[in-house]
Amino acid sequence: MHEITADRLHQQHAYFEDGISHAMRRAGAGPDFVLERRLMGQARLLQTMLADRAAAQAAADAAEAACRVMDAADPDAPLHMLAIARDNLARHVRRHALGLPRHHAA
């Protein structure tokens, strides 16, 4: 993996958030296995970029919550849980990014 920078971390988080947005638009529509694989893969990439176990768990929690939203018969509660998971992950990403260089030194 390339050197982890704050910019790369934020970019990966934005890709992950895009996948979560797709899952939210599919709330209650049933599973989308391609999207689930995408979310899990992006969560794993974020986990490797984040420094501690709690931050890595936050990425996994957000991916799992997004998958539950799609498969829920009544997505209201899963959407609420997803919002909490997203906020928690965003806090970890911001905190971790503060300790990283902004750009890759050439």
C-alpha atoms as a PDB file:
ATOM      1  CA  MET A   1       0.000   0.000   0.000  1.00  0.00           C
ATOM      2  CA  HIS A   2       1.146   3.530  -0.695  1.00  0.00           C
ATOM      3  CA  GLU A   3       2.090   5.842   2.121  1.00  0.00           C
ATOM      4  CA  ILE A   4      -1.020   6.727   4.079  1.00  0.00           C
ATOM      5  CA  THR A   5      -1.724  10.441   3.989  1.00  0.00           C
ATOM      6  CA  ALA A   6      -4.623  12.419   5.358  1.00  0.00           C
ATOM      7  CA  ASP A   7      -5.746  13.088   1.782  1.00  0.00           C
ATOM      8  CA  ARG A   8      -5.760   9.384   0.902  1.00  0.00           C
ATOM      9  CA  LEU A   9      -7.612   8.538   4.096  1.00  0.00           C
ATOM     10  CA  HIS A  10     -10.256  11.180   3.408  1.00  0.00           C
ATOM     11  CA  GLN A  11     -10.553   9.997  -0.203  1.00  0.00           C
ATOM     12  CA  GLN A  12     -11.079   6.384   0.860  1.00  0.00           C
ATOM     13  CA  HIS A  13     -13.627   7.507   3.428  1.00  0.00           C
ATOM     14  CA  ALA A  14     -15.467   9.452   0.679  1.00  0.00           C
ATOM     15  CA  TYR A  15     -15.564   6.315  -1.544  1.00  0.00           C
ATOM     16  CA  PHE A  16     -16.966   4.366   1.380  1.00  0.00           C
ATOM     17  CA  GLU A  17     -19.562   7.067   2.075  1.00  0.00           C
ATOM     18  CA  ASP A  18     -20.610   6.906  -1.589  1.00  0.00           C
ATOM     19  CA  GLY A  19     -21.253   3.180  -1.197  1.00  0.00           C
ATOM     20  CA  ILE A  20     -23.242   3.827   1.973  1.00  0.00           C
ATOM     21  CA  SER A  21     -25.341   6.394   0.096  1.00  0.00           C
ATOM     22  CA  HIS A  22     -26.148   3.751  -2.526  1.00  0.00           C
ATOM     23  CA  ALA A  23     -27.197   1.360   0.235  1.00  0.00           C
ATOM     24  CA  MET A  24     -29.417   4.020   1.797  1.00  0.00           C
ATOM     25  CA  ARG A  25     -31.173   4.587  -1.533  1.00  0.00           C
ATOM     26  CA  ARG A  26     -31.877   0.837  -1.594  1.00  0.00           C
ATOM     27  CA  ALA A  27     -33.246   0.815   1.975  1.00  0.00           C
ATOM     28  CA  GLY A  28     -35.693  -2.050   2.348  1.00  0.00           C
ATOM     29  CA  ALA A  29     -35.215  -3.253  -1.250  1.00  0.00           C
ATOM     30  CA  GLY A  30     -33.358  -6.437  -0.324  1.00  0.00           C
ATOM     31  CA  PRO A  31     -29.731  -7.402  -0.556  1.00  0.00           C
ATOM     32  CA  ASP A  32     -27.441  -6.252  -3.354  1.00  0.00           C
ATOM     33  CA  PHE A  33     -24.512  -8.635  -3.163  1.00  0.00           C
ATOM     34  CA  VAL A  34     -22.305  -6.567  -5.479  1.00  0.00           C
ATOM     35  CA  LEU A  35     -22.820  -3.482  -3.323  1.00  0.00           C
ATOM     36  CA  GLU A  36     -22.271  -5.519  -0.156  1.00  0.00           C
ATOM     37  CA  ARG A  37     -18.921  -6.779  -1.498  1.00  0.00           C
ATOM     38  CA  ARG A  38     -17.990  -3.200  -2.437  1.00  0.00           C
ATOM     39  CA  LEU A  39     -18.861  -1.929   1.054  1.00  0.00           C
ATOM     40  CA  MET A  40     -16.951  -4.713   2.784  1.00  0.00           C
ATOM     41  CA  GLY A  41     -13.915  -4.184   0.555  1.00  0.00           C
ATOM     42  CA  GLN A  42     -13.906  -0.445   1.187  1.00  0.00           C
ATOM     43  CA  ALA A  43     -14.306  -1.050   4.914  1.00  0.00           C
ATOM     44  CA  ARG A  44     -11.273  -3.380   4.854  1.00  0.00           C
ATOM     45  CA  LEU A  45      -9.212  -0.716   3.073  1.00  0.00           C
ATOM     46  CA  LEU A  46     -10.224   1.848   5.688  1.00  0.00           C
ATOM     47  CA  GLN A  47      -9.386  -0.611   8.456  1.00  0.00           C
ATOM     48  CA  THR A  48      -5.835  -0.954   7.126  1.00  0.00           C
ATOM     49  CA  MET A  49      -5.469   2.825   7.011  1.00  0.00           C
ATOM     50  CA  LEU A  50      -6.748   3.464  10.536  1.00  0.00           C
ATOM     51  CA  ALA A  51      -4.379   3.066  13.442  1.00  0.00           C
ATOM     52  CA  ASP A  52      -6.390   1.466  16.217  1.00  0.00           C
ATOM     53  CA  ARG A  53      -8.817  -1.345  16.847  1.00  0.00           C
ATOM     54  CA  ALA A  54     -11.746   0.934  17.749  1.00  0.00           C
ATOM     55  CA  ALA A  55     -11.416   2.845  14.470  1.00  0.00           C
ATOM     56  CA  ALA A  56     -11.187  -0.377  12.480  1.00  0.00           C
ATOM     57  CA  GLN A  57     -14.281  -1.679  14.262  1.00  0.00           C
ATOM     58  CA  ALA A  58     -16.108   1.558  13.409  1.00  0.00           C
ATOM     59  CA  ALA A  59     -15.465   0.902   9.701  1.00  0.00           C
ATOM     60  CA  ALA A  60     -16.755  -2.662  10.007  1.00  0.00           C
ATOM     61  CA  ASP A  61     -19.816  -1.493  11.953  1.00  0.00           C
ATOM     62  CA  ALA A  62     -20.705   1.076   9.288  1.00  0.00           C
ATOM     63  CA  ALA A  63     -20.410  -1.479   6.476  1.00  0.00           C
ATOM     64  CA  GLU A  64     -22.540  -4.017   8.339  1.00  0.00           C
ATOM     65  CA  ALA A  65     -25.152  -1.379   9.176  1.00  0.00           C
ATOM     66  CA  ALA A  66     -25.358  -0.327   5.526  1.00  0.00           C
ATOM     67  CA  CYS A  67     -25.942  -3.940   4.501  1.00  0.00           C
ATOM     68  CA  ARG A  68     -28.685  -4.328   7.128  1.00  0.00           C
ATOM     69  CA  VAL A  69     -30.438  -1.212   5.807  1.00  0.00           C
ATOM     70  CA  MET A  70     -30.857  -2.795   2.379  1.00  0.00           C
ATOM     71  CA  ASP A  71     -32.197  -6.054   3.749  1.00  0.00           C
ATOM     72  CA  ALA A  72     -34.540  -4.657   6.420  1.00  0.00           C
ATOM     73  CA  ALA A  73     -38.297  -5.018   5.948  1.00  0.00           C
ATOM     74  CA  ASP A  74     -38.702  -1.793   7.931  1.00  0.00           C
ATOM     75  CA  PRO A  75     -35.492   0.194   7.483  1.00  0.00           C
ATOM     76  CA  ASP A  76     -36.220   2.999   9.995  1.00  0.00           C
ATOM     77  CA  ALA A  77     -34.268   1.512  12.920  1.00  0.00           C
ATOM     78  CA  PRO A  78     -31.392   0.251  10.724  1.00  0.00           C
ATOM     79  CA  LEU A  79     -31.136   3.713   9.118  1.00  0.00           C
ATOM     80  CA  HIS A  80     -30.843   5.256  12.582  1.00  0.00           C
ATOM     81  CA  MET A  81     -28.141   2.753  13.548  1.00  0.00           C
ATOM     82  CA  LEU A  82     -26.340   3.476  10.275  1.00  0.00           C
ATOM     83  CA  ALA A  83     -26.372   7.206  11.032  1.00  0.00           C
ATOM     84  CA  ILE A  84     -24.750   6.527  14.405  1.00  0.00           C
ATOM     85  CA  ALA A  85     -22.148   4.205  12.824  1.00  0.00           C
ATOM     86  CA  ARG A  86     -21.331   6.778  10.118  1.00  0.00           C
ATOM     87  CA  ASP A  87     -20.860   9.551  12.693  1.00  0.00           C
ATOM     88  CA  ASN A  88     -18.608   7.331  14.797  1.00  0.00           C
ATOM     89  CA  LEU A  89     -16.487   6.379  11.788  1.00  0.00           C
ATOM     90  CA  ALA A  90     -16.230   9.999  10.632  1.00  0.00           C
ATOM     91  CA  ARG A  91     -14.923  10.999  14.086  1.00  0.00           C
ATOM     92  CA  HIS A  92     -12.262   8.272  13.935  1.00  0.00           C
ATOM     93  CA  VAL A  93     -11.239   9.262  10.407  1.00  0.00           C
ATOM     94  CA  ARG A  94     -10.936  12.949  11.339  1.00  0.00           C
ATOM     95  CA  ARG A  95      -8.958  12.148  14.492  1.00  0.00           C
ATOM     96  CA  HIS A  96      -6.602   9.777  12.692  1.00  0.00           C
ATOM     97  CA  ALA A  97      -6.105  12.159   9.754  1.00  0.00           C
ATOM     98  CA  LEU A  98      -4.837  14.869  12.109  1.00  0.00           C
ATOM     99  CA  GLY A  99      -1.733  12.785  12.780  1.00  0.00           C
ATOM    100  CA  LEU A 100      -0.966  12.076   9.105  1.00  0.00           C
ATOM    101  CA  PRO A 101       0.917  14.119   6.517  1.00  0.00           C
ATOM    102  CA  ARG A 102      -1.382  15.918   4.058  1.00  0.00           C
ATOM    103  CA  HIS A 103       0.354  14.999   0.779  1.00  0.00           C
ATOM    104  CA  HIS A 104       2.712  12.322  -0.406  1.00  0.00           C
ATOM    105  CA  ALA A 105       6.260  13.683  -0.511  1.00  0.00           C
ATOM    106  CA  ALA A 106       7.735  13.048  -3.969  1.00  0.00           C
END
